[in-house]
């Protein structure tokens, strides 16, 4: 379902994640490109947005003044500078959605003044319309704001509402998770090569296996343990492989990866 025809979405920053969001919203028919505007200091990135049919403004302030919803898509280390410069142009009529990791709602609200603030933590598969994201509402954000952000990011994958204190855990799991999964795919493919498969075939089989397995979890609503039991027949090949993974601490390694990334995110937030 499209947002209101008169709603204008402004991008502060036109990097790859902003581009993925813009393309996803347009492809899903939620927000048309002619309802979007953007600004970025990188002229090359501005040209990419122009090629999509998105108008480019000369400054972030121009974007703010012409937008209802702002997506703050700049590096975390410059969020304070950018938001503070925007502050005079922001009012309670603006919804500011920050996708900058580790920048708290308290700080965003302080820097952005009267604007209603929401934090969203998307992940890299946003680039292919398959993000796993979470949002947290600022103190002045409303249920209508939450509904709008959910509508926007549902067009890009899946999004959940969580308390801000859990966003670092989201970062540790889904934010950093693609890195763990890419490593697993690479390792599976290497195993296939070691067993004699040509590398292109091994990589394709590994990636498709992960994709198909994830779809089964999401679409069958069965517990992963149940699905694992269904494929692991007594005395078969799968249980032999699982036994090796268990001996090497596979589950604990993944759990520790999530916890380590979460702890690093907490340090960044402070």
Protein backbone atom coordinates (compact mmCIF):
# COMPACT_ATOMS: atom_id res chain seq x y z
CA UNK A 1 0.00 0.00 0.00
CA UNK A 2 1.39 3.39 -1.00
CA UNK A 3 1.88 6.25 1.44
CA UNK A 4 -0.18 9.40 0.94
CA UNK A 5 0.43 10.95 -2.46
CA UNK A 6 1.51 14.25 -0.94
CA UNK A 7 4.14 12.71 1.35
CA UNK A 8 7.69 13.71 0.43
CA UNK A 9 10.60 11.50 1.50
CA UNK A 10 13.98 13.21 1.83
CA UNK A 11 17.32 11.42 1.98
CA UNK A 12 20.13 13.06 3.92
CA UNK A 13 22.97 11.09 2.40
CA UNK A 14 22.74 9.15 -0.86
CA UNK A 15 24.96 6.16 -0.22
CA UNK A 16 24.31 2.52 -1.09
CA UNK A 17 21.91 1.90 1.78
CA UNK A 18 19.89 5.00 0.92
CA UNK A 19 19.84 3.89 -2.71
CA UNK A 20 18.60 0.43 -1.69
CA UNK A 21 15.82 1.97 0.39
CA UNK A 22 14.79 4.32 -2.43
CA UNK A 23 14.75 1.54 -5.03
CA UNK A 24 12.84 -0.80 -2.74
CA UNK A 25 10.17 1.75 -1.89
CA UNK A 26 9.67 2.60 -5.55
CA UNK A 27 9.63 -1.02 -6.73
CA UNK A 28 7.06 -1.96 -4.10
CA UNK A 29 4.85 0.98 -5.07
CA UNK A 30 5.02 2.39 -1.54
CA UNK A 31 6.74 5.67 -2.47
CA UNK A 32 7.41 6.76 -6.04
CA UNK A 33 10.78 8.20 -6.97
CA UNK A 34 9.11 11.48 -7.89
CA UNK A 35 8.05 11.75 -4.21
CA UNK A 36 11.69 11.58 -3.11
CA UNK A 37 14.49 14.12 -2.92
CA UNK A 38 18.07 13.78 -1.72
CA UNK A 39 21.33 15.55 -0.98
CA UNK A 40 24.89 14.29 -0.69
CA UNK A 41 28.34 15.85 -0.87
CA UNK A 42 29.39 13.06 -3.26
CA UNK A 43 28.36 14.20 -6.75
CA UNK A 44 28.71 10.67 -8.09
CA UNK A 45 26.12 9.40 -5.64
CA UNK A 46 23.84 12.32 -6.54
CA UNK A 47 24.02 11.27 -10.20
CA UNK A 48 22.96 7.74 -9.22
CA UNK A 49 19.87 9.14 -7.50
CA UNK A 50 19.12 11.43 -10.44
CA UNK A 51 19.23 8.39 -12.74
CA UNK A 52 16.42 6.91 -10.63
CA UNK A 53 14.28 10.00 -11.16
CA UNK A 54 14.94 11.44 -7.70
CA UNK A 55 15.44 15.20 -7.48
CA UNK A 56 18.72 16.40 -5.98
CA UNK A 57 18.91 19.41 -3.68
CA UNK A 58 21.91 21.65 -3.15
CA UNK A 59 21.96 21.20 0.61
CA UNK A 60 20.58 19.09 3.44
CA UNK A 61 18.61 22.10 4.61
CA UNK A 62 16.77 22.27 1.28
CA UNK A 63 15.86 18.60 1.64
CA UNK A 64 14.51 19.18 5.16
CA UNK A 65 12.45 22.17 4.12
CA UNK A 66 10.83 20.25 1.27
CA UNK A 67 10.24 16.92 3.05
CA UNK A 68 7.80 15.39 5.52
CA UNK A 69 9.92 12.34 6.31
CA UNK A 70 13.71 12.48 6.45
CA UNK A 71 15.92 9.39 6.25
CA UNK A 72 19.24 10.19 7.88
CA UNK A 73 21.66 7.91 6.05
CA UNK A 74 25.10 9.28 6.88
CA UNK A 75 28.05 7.77 8.75
CA UNK A 76 27.55 7.62 12.54
CA UNK A 77 30.56 9.83 13.19
CA UNK A 78 29.03 12.80 11.34
CA UNK A 79 25.41 12.42 12.53
CA UNK A 80 25.82 15.08 15.24
CA UNK A 81 27.24 17.64 12.78
CA UNK A 82 24.57 16.94 10.14
CA UNK A 83 21.62 16.83 12.54
CA UNK A 84 22.72 19.99 14.35
CA UNK A 85 22.96 21.85 11.05
CA UNK A 86 19.45 20.66 10.19
CA UNK A 87 17.97 21.61 13.56
CA UNK A 88 16.80 25.15 12.61
CA UNK A 89 14.91 23.69 9.63
CA UNK A 90 13.20 20.92 11.59
CA UNK A 91 9.82 21.14 13.29
CA UNK A 92 7.38 18.83 15.06
CA UNK A 93 5.90 18.16 11.61
CA UNK A 94 9.07 16.33 10.54
CA UNK A 95 9.69 12.62 11.09
CA UNK A 96 13.42 11.89 11.20
CA UNK A 97 14.39 8.25 10.62
CA UNK A 98 18.02 7.52 11.49
CA UNK A 99 19.72 4.39 10.17
CA UNK A 100 23.07 5.28 11.77
CA UNK A 101 24.30 2.47 14.02
CA UNK A 102 25.03 3.29 17.65
CA UNK A 103 23.55 6.82 17.69
CA UNK A 104 21.03 6.93 20.54
CA UNK A 105 17.54 8.40 20.46
CA UNK A 106 18.43 10.79 23.28
CA UNK A 107 21.27 12.28 21.24
CA UNK A 108 19.26 12.33 18.04
CA UNK A 109 16.43 14.16 19.78
CA UNK A 110 18.83 16.67 21.30
CA UNK A 111 20.51 17.39 17.98
CA UNK A 112 17.30 17.38 15.89
CA UNK A 113 15.23 19.62 18.16
CA UNK A 114 11.48 19.41 17.61
CA UNK A 115 11.49 16.66 14.98
CA UNK A 116 9.93 13.30 15.87
CA UNK A 117 12.71 10.72 15.87
CA UNK A 118 12.84 7.00 15.06
CA UNK A 119 15.88 4.73 14.94
CA UNK A 120 15.96 1.90 12.41
CA UNK A 121 18.64 -0.79 12.22
CA UNK A 122 18.50 -2.38 8.75
CA UNK A 123 21.12 -4.78 7.41
CA UNK A 124 23.05 -5.30 4.19
CA UNK A 125 20.45 -7.52 2.44
CA UNK A 126 18.39 -4.33 2.21
CA UNK A 127 20.37 -4.00 -1.04
CA UNK A 128 18.40 -6.95 -2.48
CA UNK A 129 15.06 -6.20 -0.82
CA UNK A 130 15.51 -8.76 1.95
CA UNK A 131 16.45 -6.76 5.01
CA UNK A 132 15.99 -7.93 8.58
CA UNK A 133 15.43 -4.71 10.52
CA UNK A 134 14.21 -3.33 13.82
CA UNK A 135 12.94 0.08 14.89
CA UNK A 136 12.74 2.02 18.13
CA UNK A 137 10.58 5.09 18.69
CA UNK A 138 11.79 8.35 20.18
CA UNK A 139 9.86 10.02 22.99
CA UNK A 140 7.88 12.29 20.66
CA UNK A 141 7.20 9.68 17.95
CA UNK A 142 3.63 8.45 17.62
CA UNK A 143 1.91 5.19 16.77
CA UNK A 144 1.21 6.67 13.34
CA UNK A 145 4.96 7.20 12.93
CA UNK A 146 5.59 3.59 13.87
CA UNK A 147 2.98 2.41 11.38
CA UNK A 148 4.54 4.53 8.62
CA UNK A 149 8.08 3.26 9.28
CA UNK A 150 6.81 -0.33 9.32
CA UNK A 151 5.04 0.27 6.00
CA UNK A 152 8.23 1.70 4.50
CA UNK A 153 10.57 -1.05 5.65
CA UNK A 154 8.15 -3.93 5.10
CA UNK A 155 8.68 -3.06 1.44
CA UNK A 156 12.36 -3.89 1.92
CA UNK A 157 12.05 -7.12 3.91
CA UNK A 158 10.98 -7.56 7.52
CA UNK A 159 10.99 -5.12 10.43
CA UNK A 160 10.21 -5.49 14.14
CA UNK A 161 9.51 -2.93 16.87
CA UNK A 162 11.84 -3.22 19.89
CA UNK A 163 12.90 -1.14 22.87
CA UNK A 164 16.02 0.86 22.13
CA UNK A 165 17.97 -1.07 24.76
CA UNK A 166 17.66 -4.11 22.45
CA UNK A 167 18.99 -2.43 19.31
CA UNK A 168 22.56 -3.45 20.11
CA UNK A 169 21.37 -7.06 20.26
CA UNK A 170 19.68 -6.49 16.89
CA UNK A 171 23.01 -5.18 15.60
CA UNK A 172 24.79 -8.25 16.93
CA UNK A 173 22.30 -10.65 15.37
CA UNK A 174 20.84 -9.27 12.13
CA UNK A 175 23.09 -6.25 11.64
CA UNK A 176 26.30 -8.28 11.78
CA UNK A 177 24.63 -11.61 10.93
CA UNK A 178 25.14 -11.38 7.16
CA UNK A 179 28.88 -11.51 7.81
CA UNK A 180 28.49 -14.77 9.73
CA UNK A 181 26.26 -16.23 7.02
CA UNK A 182 28.64 -15.17 4.22
CA UNK A 183 31.43 -16.93 6.11
CA UNK A 184 29.27 -20.05 6.46
CA UNK A 185 28.43 -20.02 2.74
CA UNK A 186 32.09 -19.66 1.86
CA UNK A 187 33.00 -22.53 4.17
CA UNK A 188 30.27 -24.78 2.76
CA UNK A 189 31.46 -24.03 -0.75
CA UNK A 190 35.07 -24.76 0.24
CA UNK A 191 33.88 -28.08 1.63
CA UNK A 192 32.20 -28.83 -1.68
CA UNK A 193 35.40 -28.00 -3.54
CA UNK A 194 37.37 -30.23 -1.18
CA UNK A 195 34.91 -33.01 -2.00
CA UNK A 196 35.52 -32.52 -5.74
CA UNK A 197 32.89 -30.03 -6.93
CA UNK A 198 33.83 -27.19 -9.31
CA UNK A 199 33.89 -23.94 -7.31
CA UNK A 200 31.06 -22.14 -9.20
CA UNK A 201 28.75 -25.11 -8.65
CA UNK A 202 29.82 -25.48 -5.01
CA UNK A 203 29.17 -21.78 -4.33
CA UNK A 204 25.79 -21.85 -6.04
CA UNK A 205 24.72 -24.95 -4.12
CA UNK A 206 25.89 -23.48 -0.81
CA UNK A 207 24.11 -20.14 -1.29
CA UNK A 208 20.89 -21.74 -2.54
CA UNK A 209 20.93 -24.18 0.38
CA UNK A 210 21.10 -21.31 2.87
CA UNK A 211 18.37 -19.40 1.01
CA UNK A 212 16.07 -22.41 0.82
CA UNK A 213 16.63 -23.37 4.45
CA UNK A 214 15.83 -19.82 5.59
CA UNK A 215 12.63 -19.83 3.51
CA UNK A 216 11.57 -23.10 5.17
CA UNK A 217 12.03 -21.60 8.64
CA UNK A 218 10.03 -18.49 7.72
CA UNK A 219 7.28 -20.14 5.68
CA UNK A 220 6.61 -23.37 7.59
CA UNK A 221 6.72 -21.81 11.08
CA UNK A 222 8.46 -24.97 12.23
CA UNK A 223 11.22 -24.76 14.83
CA UNK A 224 14.67 -25.05 13.23
CA UNK A 225 15.35 -28.01 15.48
CA UNK A 226 12.33 -29.82 14.05
CA UNK A 227 13.44 -29.12 10.50
CA UNK A 228 16.93 -30.32 11.36
CA UNK A 229 15.47 -33.56 12.72
CA UNK A 230 13.44 -34.03 9.53
CA UNK A 231 16.55 -33.94 7.34
CA UNK A 232 18.81 -35.92 9.70
CA UNK A 233 17.78 -39.55 9.18
CA UNK A 234 19.16 -42.24 11.52
CA UNK A 235 22.69 -43.24 10.63
CA UNK A 236 22.64 -40.94 7.59
CA UNK A 237 24.97 -38.41 6.03
CA UNK A 238 23.39 -35.33 7.64
CA UNK A 239 23.66 -36.53 11.22
CA UNK A 240 27.29 -37.47 10.55
CA UNK A 241 27.97 -33.90 9.41
CA UNK A 242 26.03 -32.42 12.35
CA UNK A 243 28.09 -34.54 14.73
CA UNK A 244 31.26 -32.93 13.37
CA UNK A 245 29.77 -29.45 13.78
CA UNK A 246 28.79 -30.21 17.37
CA UNK A 247 32.29 -31.48 18.14
CA UNK A 248 33.71 -28.17 16.87
CA UNK A 249 31.31 -26.03 18.95
CA UNK A 250 29.33 -24.69 15.98
CA UNK A 251 26.34 -23.46 17.99
CA UNK A 252 28.46 -21.88 20.71
CA UNK A 253 30.60 -20.12 18.11
CA UNK A 254 27.55 -18.47 16.54
CA UNK A 255 26.08 -17.53 19.91
CA UNK A 256 29.42 -16.03 20.99
CA UNK A 257 29.66 -14.08 17.72
CA UNK A 258 26.28 -12.46 18.38
CA UNK A 259 27.23 -11.63 21.96
CA UNK A 260 30.64 -10.21 20.96
CA UNK A 261 29.07 -7.99 18.28
CA UNK A 262 26.40 -6.87 20.74
CA UNK A 263 29.02 -5.90 23.30
CA UNK A 264 30.98 -3.96 20.68
CA UNK A 265 27.78 -2.13 19.72
CA UNK A 266 27.20 -1.20 23.36
CA UNK A 267 30.69 0.30 23.53
CA UNK A 268 30.02 2.35 20.40
CA UNK A 269 26.75 3.63 21.87
CA UNK A 270 28.58 4.91 24.93
